[in-house]
Amino acid sequence: MKITVAADTVKGDLLGRSGALADANGNVPAEFVALESADSGSTINAAKHVYCKKPSTIGTGGAVTRGDH
């Protein structure tokens, strides 16, 4: 879906219905996730749902993870 953002946005930002950045303290619940970065006033692609996957890593001390925990 397309949404016009009310602030500079970075891919992955949570957005309210109006296009403003989501803010629980300001009574702006998250409705969408920005799928691209943009300047205020730009129209971008946003999604209602996203799937986030944790990548495999080698952590501190050499611990290896598969990214599925």
C-alpha atoms as a PDB file:
ATOM      1  CA  MET A   1       0.000   0.000   0.000  1.00  0.00           C
ATOM      2  CA  LYS A   2       1.101   3.587  -0.526  1.00  0.00           C
ATOM      3  CA  ILE A   3       1.236   6.138   2.294  1.00  0.00           C
ATOM      4  CA  THR A   4       2.423   9.747   2.467  1.00  0.00           C
ATOM      5  CA  VAL A   5       4.830  10.168   5.370  1.00  0.00           C
ATOM      6  CA  ALA A   6       4.650  13.149   7.700  1.00  0.00           C
ATOM      7  CA  ALA A   7       8.310  12.944   8.798  1.00  0.00           C
ATOM      8  CA  ASP A   8      11.650  11.772   7.438  1.00  0.00           C
ATOM      9  CA  THR A   9      11.357   7.988   7.421  1.00  0.00           C
ATOM     10  CA  VAL A  10      13.835   5.129   7.416  1.00  0.00           C
ATOM     11  CA  LYS A  11      13.043   1.670   6.065  1.00  0.00           C
ATOM     12  CA  GLY A  12      11.551  -0.322   8.955  1.00  0.00           C
ATOM     13  CA  ASP A  13      10.024   2.639  10.819  1.00  0.00           C
ATOM     14  CA  LEU A  14       6.595   2.085  12.342  1.00  0.00           C
ATOM     15  CA  LEU A  15       3.978   4.504  11.022  1.00  0.00           C
ATOM     16  CA  GLY A  16       0.559   5.600  12.192  1.00  0.00           C
ATOM     17  CA  ARG A  17      -2.504   5.732   9.944  1.00  0.00           C
ATOM     18  CA  SER A  18      -1.827   9.416   9.149  1.00  0.00           C
ATOM     19  CA  GLY A  19       1.741   8.733   7.986  1.00  0.00           C
ATOM     20  CA  ALA A  20       3.297  10.122  11.172  1.00  0.00           C
ATOM     21  CA  LEU A  21       5.913   8.089  13.020  1.00  0.00           C
ATOM     22  CA  ALA A  22       4.192   5.802  15.515  1.00  0.00           C
ATOM     23  CA  ASP A  23       4.401   7.026  19.116  1.00  0.00           C
ATOM     24  CA  ALA A  24       2.635   5.175  21.928  1.00  0.00           C
ATOM     25  CA  ASN A  25       3.110   8.151  24.273  1.00  0.00           C
ATOM     26  CA  GLY A  26       1.590  10.508  21.683  1.00  0.00           C
ATOM     27  CA  ASN A  27      -1.411   8.250  21.023  1.00  0.00           C
ATOM     28  CA  VAL A  28      -0.226   7.347  17.489  1.00  0.00           C
ATOM     29  CA  PRO A  29      -0.478   3.540  17.304  1.00  0.00           C
ATOM     30  CA  ALA A  30       1.624   1.620  14.775  1.00  0.00           C
ATOM     31  CA  GLU A  31      -0.466   0.634  11.751  1.00  0.00           C
ATOM     32  CA  PHE A  32       2.182   0.205   9.031  1.00  0.00           C
ATOM     33  CA  VAL A  33       5.870  -0.553   8.485  1.00  0.00           C
ATOM     34  CA  ALA A  34       7.843   1.644   6.067  1.00  0.00           C
ATOM     35  CA  LEU A  35       9.292  -0.453   3.240  1.00  0.00           C
ATOM     36  CA  GLU A  36      11.628   2.317   2.070  1.00  0.00           C
ATOM     37  CA  SER A  37      13.361   5.449   3.348  1.00  0.00           C
ATOM     38  CA  ALA A  38      12.026   8.865   2.327  1.00  0.00           C
ATOM     39  CA  ASP A  39      11.838  12.553   3.164  1.00  0.00           C
ATOM     40  CA  SER A  40       8.794  14.085   4.830  1.00  0.00           C
ATOM     41  CA  GLY A  41       5.902  14.530   2.383  1.00  0.00           C
ATOM     42  CA  SER A  42       7.004  11.670   0.115  1.00  0.00           C
ATOM     43  CA  THR A  43       4.706   8.807  -0.814  1.00  0.00           C
ATOM     44  CA  ILE A  44       6.217   5.402  -0.032  1.00  0.00           C
ATOM     45  CA  ASN A  45       5.298   1.733   0.025  1.00  0.00           C
ATOM     46  CA  ALA A  46       4.242   0.457   3.443  1.00  0.00           C
ATOM     47  CA  ALA A  47       2.955  -2.866   4.749  1.00  0.00           C
ATOM     48  CA  LYS A  48       0.473  -3.898   7.436  1.00  0.00           C
ATOM     49  CA  HIS A  49       2.469  -7.059   8.194  1.00  0.00           C
ATOM     50  CA  VAL A  50       6.124  -7.977   7.770  1.00  0.00           C
ATOM     51  CA  TYR A  51       8.161 -11.106   8.378  1.00  0.00           C
ATOM     52  CA  CYS A  52      11.461 -10.554  10.190  1.00  0.00           C
ATOM     53  CA  LYS A  53      14.133 -13.217  10.116  1.00  0.00           C
ATOM     54  CA  LYS A  54      17.101 -13.279  12.447  1.00  0.00           C
ATOM     55  CA  PRO A  55      20.299 -13.974  10.480  1.00  0.00           C
ATOM     56  CA  SER A  56      22.835 -16.615  11.445  1.00  0.00           C
ATOM     57  CA  THR A  57      25.708 -15.090  13.407  1.00  0.00           C
ATOM     58  CA  ILE A  58      28.951 -15.756  15.163  1.00  0.00           C
ATOM     59  CA  GLY A  59      28.681 -13.991  18.486  1.00  0.00           C
ATOM     60  CA  THR A  60      31.099 -12.873  21.145  1.00  0.00           C
ATOM     61  CA  GLY A  61      33.337 -15.734  22.182  1.00  0.00           C
ATOM     62  CA  GLY A  62      32.701 -17.568  18.896  1.00  0.00           C
ATOM     63  CA  ALA A  63      29.212 -18.883  19.753  1.00  0.00           C
ATOM     64  CA  VAL A  64      27.477 -19.812  16.508  1.00  0.00           C
ATOM     65  CA  THR A  65      23.710 -19.396  16.105  1.00  0.00           C
ATOM     66  CA  ARG A  66      21.433 -20.601  13.313  1.00  0.00           C
ATOM     67  CA  GLY A  67      19.141 -17.595  13.660  1.00  0.00           C
ATOM     68  CA  ASP A  68      16.091 -19.704  14.519  1.00  0.00           C
ATOM     69  CA  HIS A  69      15.972 -19.177  18.281  1.00  0.00           C
END
